[in-house]
Amino acid sequence: MRSGSYDPRTRRGSGYCATVRVTNRTARRVAWRASVAAPGKVTSLWDAVGRDTGARLRVRGPAYAPTLAPRASTEFGFCADR
């Protein structure tokens, strides 16, 4: 099973930035994806490829790191305006 955690790091004006950690808890390599609550409009995204679908940000691994090894973790980040 894959799991994740969300850590809003910085508030900036009327917005915020967050770091999200994604962990592969399975015994096999997986293509990783995540969906996180992201109130407001996402203005920047790094270390993932994704799209803002309203109140959620849906992402997947970038071309240079699309999969996670067993029990490995990765992080991506984003900023949004509220």
C-alpha atoms as a PDB file:
ATOM      1  CA  MET A   1       0.000   0.000   0.000  1.00  0.00           C
ATOM      2  CA  ARG A   2       1.180   3.514  -0.719  1.00  0.00           C
ATOM      3  CA  SER A   3       0.809   6.171   1.912  1.00  0.00           C
ATOM      4  CA  GLY A   4       1.454   9.854   2.162  1.00  0.00           C
ATOM      5  CA  SER A   5       1.694  12.776   4.510  1.00  0.00           C
ATOM      6  CA  TYR A   6       1.022  16.456   3.990  1.00  0.00           C
ATOM      7  CA  ASP A   7       2.980  19.224   5.663  1.00  0.00           C
ATOM      8  CA  PRO A   8       2.078  22.858   4.937  1.00  0.00           C
ATOM      9  CA  ARG A   9       5.417  24.602   5.418  1.00  0.00           C
ATOM     10  CA  THR A  10       4.992  28.218   4.516  1.00  0.00           C
ATOM     11  CA  ARG A  11       2.204  30.733   4.462  1.00  0.00           C
ATOM     12  CA  ARG A  12       2.698  33.543   2.026  1.00  0.00           C
ATOM     13  CA  GLY A  13       0.239  36.392   1.770  1.00  0.00           C
ATOM     14  CA  SER A  14      -3.119  34.866   0.977  1.00  0.00           C
ATOM     15  CA  GLY A  15      -1.576  31.516   0.027  1.00  0.00           C
ATOM     16  CA  TYR A  16       0.595  28.697   1.273  1.00  0.00           C
ATOM     17  CA  CYS A  17       3.227  26.169   0.208  1.00  0.00           C
ATOM     18  CA  ALA A  18       3.274  22.500   1.192  1.00  0.00           C
ATOM     19  CA  THR A  19       5.496  19.450   0.990  1.00  0.00           C
ATOM     20  CA  VAL A  20       3.913  16.031   0.513  1.00  0.00           C
ATOM     21  CA  ARG A  21       5.760  12.791   1.260  1.00  0.00           C
ATOM     22  CA  VAL A  22       4.667   9.646  -0.602  1.00  0.00           C
ATOM     23  CA  THR A  23       5.802   6.211   0.620  1.00  0.00           C
ATOM     24  CA  ASN A  24       5.528   2.869  -1.156  1.00  0.00           C
ATOM     25  CA  ARG A  25       4.659   0.359   1.569  1.00  0.00           C
ATOM     26  CA  THR A  26       4.417  -2.582  -0.833  1.00  0.00           C
ATOM     27  CA  ALA A  27       7.048  -5.207  -1.619  1.00  0.00           C
ATOM     28  CA  ARG A  28       7.164  -4.244  -5.299  1.00  0.00           C
ATOM     29  CA  ARG A  29       8.100  -1.233  -7.413  1.00  0.00           C
ATOM     30  CA  VAL A  30       5.086   0.949  -8.228  1.00  0.00           C
ATOM     31  CA  ALA A  31       4.284   3.921 -10.449  1.00  0.00           C
ATOM     32  CA  TRP A  32       3.367   6.505  -7.853  1.00  0.00           C
ATOM     33  CA  ARG A  33       0.356   8.802  -7.815  1.00  0.00           C
ATOM     34  CA  ALA A  34      -1.173  11.013  -5.160  1.00  0.00           C
ATOM     35  CA  SER A  35      -4.252  13.117  -4.604  1.00  0.00           C
ATOM     36  CA  VAL A  36      -4.188  15.788  -1.906  1.00  0.00           C
ATOM     37  CA  ALA A  37      -6.516  18.514  -0.719  1.00  0.00           C
ATOM     38  CA  ALA A  38      -5.259  21.805  -2.142  1.00  0.00           C
ATOM     39  CA  PRO A  39      -7.654  24.642  -1.326  1.00  0.00           C
ATOM     40  CA  GLY A  40      -7.284  27.526  -3.760  1.00  0.00           C
ATOM     41  CA  LYS A  41      -5.461  27.724  -7.082  1.00  0.00           C
ATOM     42  CA  VAL A  42      -2.165  25.841  -7.364  1.00  0.00           C
ATOM     43  CA  THR A  43       0.444  28.296  -8.678  1.00  0.00           C
ATOM     44  CA  SER A  44       3.538  26.080  -8.710  1.00  0.00           C
ATOM     45  CA  LEU A  45       4.397  22.383  -8.468  1.00  0.00           C
ATOM     46  CA  TRP A  46       7.781  20.675  -8.251  1.00  0.00           C
ATOM     47  CA  ASP A  47       9.101  17.097  -8.303  1.00  0.00           C
ATOM     48  CA  ALA A  48       5.798  15.782  -9.706  1.00  0.00           C
ATOM     49  CA  VAL A  49       3.530  16.182 -12.715  1.00  0.00           C
ATOM     50  CA  GLY A  50      -0.094  17.008 -12.070  1.00  0.00           C
ATOM     51  CA  ARG A  51      -3.143  19.156 -12.320  1.00  0.00           C
ATOM     52  CA  ASP A  52      -5.358  21.132 -10.037  1.00  0.00           C
ATOM     53  CA  THR A  53      -8.926  19.833 -10.180  1.00  0.00           C
ATOM     54  CA  GLY A  54     -10.593  22.404  -7.972  1.00  0.00           C
ATOM     55  CA  ALA A  55     -10.106  21.528  -4.319  1.00  0.00           C
ATOM     56  CA  ARG A  56      -7.702  18.639  -5.073  1.00  0.00           C
ATOM     57  CA  LEU A  57      -4.287  18.335  -6.637  1.00  0.00           C
ATOM     58  CA  ARG A  58      -3.731  15.063  -8.506  1.00  0.00           C
ATOM     59  CA  VAL A  59      -0.117  14.185  -9.288  1.00  0.00           C
ATOM     60  CA  ARG A  60       2.118  11.374 -10.530  1.00  0.00           C
ATOM     61  CA  GLY A  61       5.827  10.761 -10.617  1.00  0.00           C
ATOM     62  CA  PRO A  62       7.822  12.943 -13.011  1.00  0.00           C
ATOM     63  CA  ALA A  63       9.496  11.495 -16.128  1.00  0.00           C
ATOM     64  CA  TYR A  64      12.853  11.285 -14.353  1.00  0.00           C
ATOM     65  CA  ALA A  65      11.428   9.309 -11.367  1.00  0.00           C
ATOM     66  CA  PRO A  66       8.044   7.784 -12.212  1.00  0.00           C
ATOM     67  CA  THR A  67       8.297   4.786  -9.872  1.00  0.00           C
ATOM     68  CA  LEU A  68       9.090   4.059  -6.234  1.00  0.00           C
ATOM     69  CA  ALA A  69      11.076   1.030  -5.104  1.00  0.00           C
ATOM     70  CA  PRO A  70       9.675  -1.127  -2.287  1.00  0.00           C
ATOM     71  CA  ARG A  71       9.523   0.827   0.984  1.00  0.00           C
ATOM     72  CA  ALA A  72      11.006   3.923  -0.689  1.00  0.00           C
ATOM     73  CA  SER A  73       9.708   7.473  -0.288  1.00  0.00           C
ATOM     74  CA  THR A  74       9.711  10.642  -2.335  1.00  0.00           C
ATOM     75  CA  GLU A  75       8.493  14.185  -1.807  1.00  0.00           C
ATOM     76  CA  PHE A  76       6.876  16.790  -4.002  1.00  0.00           C
ATOM     77  CA  GLY A  77       5.809  20.310  -3.245  1.00  0.00           C
ATOM     78  CA  PHE A  78       3.389  22.970  -4.355  1.00  0.00           C
ATOM     79  CA  CYS A  79       2.262  26.499  -3.626  1.00  0.00           C
ATOM     80  CA  ALA A  80      -1.314  27.767  -3.909  1.00  0.00           C
ATOM     81  CA  ASP A  81      -3.273  30.982  -3.529  1.00  0.00           C
ATOM     82  CA  ARG A  82      -6.460  30.803  -1.472  1.00  0.00           C
END
